[in-house]
């Protein structure tokens, strides 16, 4: 099939690469978000998907909006059979959905209808799911409501961060997308409507959402930090300044009041509503990430000090 691929960040790259390598399909264009400032220098750089497309010699379209008439005309001229979508990052209006004859097929990183929305991986971790996965589905105008073509499952490991889990799903999901396109092309695959029960929503997790409340149970703190790693990054405050937190581990004791610190030679523990947690890497303002023990030595933490 003639395919246009729509995606923007790094997790979309494995699927684009798999489609480029497929002998049965031709990627005739890539659709991505416009280049945006990034990094400390705020340099404008192309998206990871645009970089791969450029290296592969595939034309790149970067409309401000997917409903722009010029973009729709370009898409129509390409005469694509289907558009494959992974984390494109913009809404697709009906006039765009109607262009490819076989529609737009999205790879979503959850087992639909669970965790519809922008942050399915983060919410699966935050809510303590044991298993998640990826789904391919035909895009409708509703939020991730379209009929499903196929799924792959993935066990969530106890120490998974959102980055870890998304990395594995991006790879397994790439194979699922190619298999889905194969099935659509030869007619062996039919999309099945999502069940009405089991629906859950996964809105974007903001920086404010990523603040650790030490009065929460220790297990919740652990899940929140892992769900927010690497983005948007979990944090707390210390001496009135923000302190970024890497993954923690449960200590197995409940000796400390919520937020109170215990500095030992090999670890730094913090109290929660239940089990204490041991800090991993932390990052103070203007500093690089470092082990919590190194940070504590430099900060010269006094007895009775606390986080938050």
Protein backbone atom coordinates (compact mmCIF):
# COMPACT_ATOMS: atom_id res chain seq x y z
CA UNK A 1 0.00 0.00 0.00
CA UNK A 2 0.92 3.63 -0.42
CA UNK A 3 1.24 4.96 3.12
CA UNK A 4 1.74 8.35 4.69
CA UNK A 5 3.23 8.15 8.18
CA UNK A 6 2.27 10.69 10.84
CA UNK A 7 4.37 10.94 14.00
CA UNK A 8 6.69 13.26 15.89
CA UNK A 9 8.71 12.04 18.93
CA UNK A 10 11.25 9.27 19.39
CA UNK A 11 8.69 6.53 20.28
CA UNK A 12 7.26 6.88 16.76
CA UNK A 13 10.61 6.19 15.08
CA UNK A 14 10.61 2.35 15.34
CA UNK A 15 7.27 2.16 13.51
CA UNK A 16 8.41 4.47 10.73
CA UNK A 17 11.60 2.44 10.36
CA UNK A 18 9.63 -0.83 10.24
CA UNK A 19 7.30 0.53 7.55
CA UNK A 20 10.24 1.82 5.52
CA UNK A 21 11.77 -1.66 5.70
CA UNK A 22 8.55 -3.46 4.75
CA UNK A 23 8.62 -4.90 1.22
CA UNK A 24 4.82 -4.71 0.96
CA UNK A 25 4.33 -1.00 1.61
CA UNK A 26 5.68 2.28 0.31
CA UNK A 27 5.99 5.27 2.64
CA UNK A 28 5.41 8.16 0.24
CA UNK A 29 5.41 10.98 2.80
CA UNK A 30 5.88 11.70 6.50
CA UNK A 31 3.65 14.11 8.40
CA UNK A 32 5.08 15.61 11.58
CA UNK A 33 4.73 18.59 13.87
CA UNK A 34 6.66 21.73 12.88
CA UNK A 35 10.19 22.03 14.23
CA UNK A 36 10.22 23.52 17.73
CA UNK A 37 12.90 24.96 20.05
CA UNK A 38 14.43 22.29 22.29
CA UNK A 39 17.28 21.81 24.73
CA UNK A 40 19.15 24.34 26.83
CA UNK A 41 20.06 26.47 23.84
CA UNK A 42 16.45 26.43 22.60
CA UNK A 43 17.66 25.60 19.11
CA UNK A 44 14.99 24.80 16.54
CA UNK A 45 15.47 21.20 15.49
CA UNK A 46 13.41 18.81 13.38
CA UNK A 47 11.47 16.06 15.14
CA UNK A 48 13.06 12.60 15.44
CA UNK A 49 10.56 11.34 12.85
CA UNK A 50 11.50 14.15 10.44
CA UNK A 51 15.19 13.30 10.87
CA UNK A 52 14.64 9.66 9.93
CA UNK A 53 12.45 10.65 6.99
CA UNK A 54 15.13 13.03 5.75
CA UNK A 55 17.79 10.33 6.00
CA UNK A 56 15.53 7.95 4.06
CA UNK A 57 14.76 10.52 1.37
CA UNK A 58 11.04 10.63 2.17
CA UNK A 59 9.22 13.97 1.72
CA UNK A 60 8.27 15.64 5.02
CA UNK A 61 5.05 17.61 5.52
CA UNK A 62 4.81 19.75 8.66
CA UNK A 63 1.49 21.62 8.63
CA UNK A 64 0.59 23.94 11.48
CA UNK A 65 -2.79 22.19 11.54
CA UNK A 66 -3.87 18.92 9.95
CA UNK A 67 -6.90 20.69 8.52
CA UNK A 68 -4.92 23.27 6.55
CA UNK A 69 -6.22 23.29 2.94
CA UNK A 70 -2.70 23.24 1.48
CA UNK A 71 -1.80 20.16 3.51
CA UNK A 72 -5.03 18.37 2.57
CA UNK A 73 -4.36 19.08 -1.09
CA UNK A 74 -0.82 17.67 -0.79
CA UNK A 75 -2.15 14.56 0.92
CA UNK A 76 -4.79 14.05 -1.78
CA UNK A 77 -2.16 14.40 -4.52
CA UNK A 78 -0.11 11.63 -2.92
CA UNK A 79 -3.04 9.23 -3.42
CA UNK A 80 -2.26 7.34 -0.23
CA UNK A 81 -4.23 4.23 0.64
CA UNK A 82 -3.80 4.68 4.41
CA UNK A 83 -2.08 6.86 6.98
CA UNK A 84 -0.23 5.21 9.87
CA UNK A 85 -0.12 7.31 13.04
CA UNK A 86 2.09 7.09 16.13
CA UNK A 87 2.17 10.00 18.60
CA UNK A 88 1.60 12.65 15.94
CA UNK A 89 0.59 15.21 18.57
CA UNK A 90 -2.31 17.03 16.90
CA UNK A 91 -6.01 16.51 16.34
CA UNK A 92 -7.13 15.15 12.98
CA UNK A 93 -10.33 16.80 11.69
CA UNK A 94 -12.91 14.91 9.65
CA UNK A 95 -11.76 16.50 6.39
CA UNK A 96 -8.30 14.99 6.98
CA UNK A 97 -9.65 11.60 8.08
CA UNK A 98 -11.62 11.33 4.84
CA UNK A 99 -8.61 11.70 2.50
CA UNK A 100 -7.01 8.20 2.54
CA UNK A 101 -9.35 5.53 1.16
CA UNK A 102 -8.57 3.12 4.02
CA UNK A 103 -8.42 5.72 6.74
CA UNK A 104 -5.90 6.61 9.41
CA UNK A 105 -4.64 3.77 11.61
CA UNK A 106 -3.27 4.72 15.01
CA UNK A 107 -0.84 2.83 17.24
CA UNK A 108 -1.87 3.58 20.82
CA UNK A 109 0.18 2.42 23.80
CA UNK A 110 -2.53 0.73 25.85
CA UNK A 111 -4.97 -2.15 25.63
CA UNK A 112 -8.02 -0.21 24.49
CA UNK A 113 -10.51 0.77 25.80
CA UNK A 114 -8.21 1.18 28.81
CA UNK A 115 -6.27 4.43 29.07
CA UNK A 116 -7.61 6.46 26.19
CA UNK A 117 -5.77 9.74 25.94
CA UNK A 118 -2.36 11.39 25.82
CA UNK A 119 -0.52 9.53 28.60
CA UNK A 120 -1.52 5.84 28.61
CA UNK A 121 1.86 4.48 29.70
CA UNK A 122 2.18 6.92 32.59
CA UNK A 123 -1.32 6.14 33.86
CA UNK A 124 -0.80 2.38 33.63
CA UNK A 125 2.23 2.76 35.91
CA UNK A 126 0.58 5.27 38.21
CA UNK A 127 -2.39 2.99 38.81
CA UNK A 128 -0.31 -0.13 39.39
CA UNK A 129 -1.37 -2.15 36.34
CA UNK A 130 0.39 -5.50 35.98
CA UNK A 131 -0.05 -5.73 32.20
CA UNK A 132 -0.43 -3.18 29.44
CA UNK A 133 0.22 -3.25 25.70
CA UNK A 134 -0.39 -1.51 22.41
CA UNK A 135 -3.39 -1.39 20.09
CA UNK A 136 -3.88 -0.46 16.45
CA UNK A 137 -7.25 1.08 15.64
CA UNK A 138 -9.07 3.01 12.95
CA UNK A 139 -9.20 6.66 13.96
CA UNK A 140 -12.60 8.28 14.42
CA UNK A 141 -13.36 11.78 15.62
CA UNK A 142 -13.75 10.55 19.23
CA UNK A 143 -10.81 10.25 21.62
CA UNK A 144 -9.23 6.84 20.85
CA UNK A 145 -12.70 5.31 20.35
CA UNK A 146 -12.29 3.65 16.96
CA UNK A 147 -12.53 -0.08 16.22
CA UNK A 148 -9.41 -2.12 17.02
CA UNK A 149 -7.39 -4.10 14.47
CA UNK A 150 -4.91 -5.82 16.77
CA UNK A 151 -3.07 -5.77 20.10
CA UNK A 152 0.21 -6.83 21.69
CA UNK A 153 0.63 -7.21 25.43
CA UNK A 154 3.52 -6.24 27.69
CA UNK A 155 4.15 -7.17 31.33
CA UNK A 156 4.93 -4.19 33.55
CA UNK A 157 8.07 -4.81 35.59
CA UNK A 158 8.31 -3.65 39.22
CA UNK A 159 11.05 -1.13 38.45
CA UNK A 160 9.76 0.10 35.07
CA UNK A 161 9.78 3.83 34.42
CA UNK A 162 7.54 5.34 31.77
CA UNK A 163 10.61 5.65 29.55
CA UNK A 164 11.50 1.97 29.97
CA UNK A 165 8.00 0.73 29.27
CA UNK A 166 7.38 3.08 26.36
CA UNK A 167 10.66 2.00 24.79
CA UNK A 168 9.60 -1.65 24.77
CA UNK A 169 6.10 -0.85 23.53
CA UNK A 170 7.48 1.31 20.73
CA UNK A 171 9.41 -1.71 19.41
CA UNK A 172 6.67 -4.32 19.78
CA UNK A 173 4.10 -1.82 18.52
CA UNK A 174 6.12 -1.27 15.36
CA UNK A 175 5.69 -4.92 14.44
CA UNK A 176 2.00 -4.70 15.24
CA UNK A 177 1.56 -1.72 12.91
CA UNK A 178 3.26 -3.52 10.01
CA UNK A 179 1.14 -6.62 10.61
CA UNK A 180 -1.97 -4.42 10.72
CA UNK A 181 -1.11 -2.77 7.42
CA UNK A 182 -0.46 -6.19 5.89
CA UNK A 183 -3.87 -7.41 7.05
CA UNK A 184 -5.66 -4.32 5.78
CA UNK A 185 -3.99 -4.67 2.40
CA UNK A 186 -4.89 -8.35 1.86
CA UNK A 187 -8.31 -8.08 3.50
CA UNK A 188 -7.58 -10.61 6.24
CA UNK A 189 -8.02 -8.10 9.07
CA UNK A 190 -11.28 -6.51 10.19
CA UNK A 191 -11.47 -3.87 12.90
CA UNK A 192 -13.59 -4.84 15.91
CA UNK A 193 -15.56 -2.20 17.89
CA UNK A 194 -14.23 -1.50 21.37
CA UNK A 195 -16.32 -2.82 24.28
CA UNK A 196 -18.35 -0.28 26.22
CA UNK A 197 -17.02 -1.47 29.58
CA UNK A 198 -13.46 -1.11 30.84
CA UNK A 199 -13.06 2.46 29.55
CA UNK A 200 -10.50 4.59 31.40
CA UNK A 201 -8.95 7.93 30.52
CA UNK A 202 -5.29 8.97 30.53
CA UNK A 203 -5.00 12.76 30.35
CA UNK A 204 -1.60 14.41 30.06
CA UNK A 205 0.36 14.47 33.31
CA UNK A 206 1.45 18.03 34.05
CA UNK A 207 4.38 19.36 36.03
CA UNK A 208 2.00 20.14 38.88
CA UNK A 209 0.72 16.54 38.79
CA UNK A 210 4.33 15.34 39.12
CA UNK A 211 4.86 16.94 42.54
CA UNK A 212 5.34 14.29 45.22
CA UNK A 213 3.06 14.53 48.23
CA UNK A 214 4.84 12.76 51.07
CA UNK A 215 1.57 12.24 52.95
CA UNK A 216 0.63 9.72 50.25
CA UNK A 217 1.40 5.99 50.71
CA UNK A 218 4.94 4.94 49.85
CA UNK A 219 3.76 2.68 47.05
CA UNK A 220 1.95 5.61 45.42
CA UNK A 221 5.10 7.75 45.67
CA UNK A 222 7.09 5.00 43.98
CA UNK A 223 4.56 4.69 41.16
CA UNK A 224 4.25 8.43 40.66
CA UNK A 225 7.99 8.94 40.34
CA UNK A 226 8.37 6.06 37.88
CA UNK A 227 5.35 7.27 35.88
CA UNK A 228 6.89 10.74 35.59
CA UNK A 229 10.34 9.50 34.55
CA UNK A 230 11.66 10.92 32.29
CA UNK A 231 8.79 13.34 31.59
CA UNK A 232 7.58 15.60 33.06
CA UNK A 233 9.91 14.60 35.91
CA UNK A 234 8.86 14.06 39.52
CA UNK A 235 9.85 16.71 42.03
CA UNK A 236 9.55 17.99 45.56
CA UNK A 237 10.96 20.97 47.45
CA UNK A 238 13.88 21.31 49.85
CA UNK A 239 14.68 24.54 51.65
CA UNK A 240 12.20 26.31 49.42
CA UNK A 241 13.75 25.18 46.12
CA UNK A 242 12.64 22.52 43.70
CA UNK A 243 14.40 19.16 43.87
CA UNK A 244 13.93 16.74 40.97
CA UNK A 245 13.61 13.08 41.83
CA UNK A 246 14.66 9.94 40.01
CA UNK A 247 13.09 6.55 40.79
CA UNK A 248 12.92 5.58 44.47
CA UNK A 249 12.58 2.21 46.19
CA UNK A 250 10.47 1.11 49.12
CA UNK A 251 12.51 0.67 52.28
CA UNK A 252 10.32 -1.86 54.09
CA UNK A 253 10.04 0.20 57.27
CA UNK A 254 7.81 2.98 58.58
CA UNK A 255 10.17 4.85 60.89
CA UNK A 256 9.86 8.40 59.55
CA UNK A 257 7.16 11.05 59.54
CA UNK A 258 5.97 12.06 56.03
CA UNK A 259 8.65 14.08 54.27
CA UNK A 260 11.24 13.74 57.02
CA UNK A 261 14.75 12.76 55.96
CA UNK A 262 17.10 10.16 57.39
CA UNK A 263 20.62 10.44 56.01
CA UNK A 264 22.78 7.36 56.37
CA UNK A 265 26.14 6.44 54.88
CA UNK A 266 24.73 4.40 52.02
CA UNK A 267 21.22 5.77 51.59
CA UNK A 268 18.87 8.68 52.11
CA UNK A 269 15.36 7.75 53.22
CA UNK A 270 12.16 9.81 53.29
CA UNK A 271 8.99 9.16 55.25
CA UNK A 272 5.58 8.71 53.65
CA UNK A 273 2.14 7.82 54.98
CA UNK A 274 3.17 4.15 54.99
CA UNK A 275 6.54 2.66 54.05
CA UNK A 276 9.60 4.89 53.90
CA UNK A 277 11.26 5.26 50.52
CA UNK A 278 14.95 5.45 49.62
CA UNK A 279 15.91 8.19 47.20
CA UNK A 280 17.79 7.35 44.01
CA UNK A 281 19.24 10.17 41.94
CA UNK A 282 18.20 13.73 42.70
CA UNK A 283 18.84 17.02 40.93
CA UNK A 284 19.11 20.31 42.76
CA UNK A 285 18.65 23.65 40.92
CA UNK A 286 21.59 24.38 38.63
CA UNK A 287 23.16 20.98 39.29
CA UNK A 288 23.41 17.72 37.40
CA UNK A 289 21.60 14.60 38.61
CA UNK A 290 23.55 12.83 41.35
CA UNK A 291 23.09 10.03 43.88
CA UNK A 292 21.06 11.19 46.85
CA UNK A 293 23.90 10.37 49.24
CA UNK A 294 26.23 12.79 47.37
CA UNK A 295 23.53 15.46 47.38
CA UNK A 296 22.89 15.02 51.10
CA UNK A 297 26.59 15.37 51.93
CA UNK A 298 26.84 18.55 49.91
CA UNK A 299 23.64 20.00 51.36
CA UNK A 300 24.73 19.20 54.95
CA UNK A 301 21.24 18.17 55.95
CA UNK A 302 20.45 18.80 59.58
CA UNK A 303 18.37 16.68 61.92
CA UNK A 304 14.65 17.30 61.53
CA UNK A 305 14.82 18.68 57.97
CA UNK A 306 12.26 17.45 55.50
CA UNK A 307 11.18 17.48 51.87
CA UNK A 308 8.05 19.20 50.62
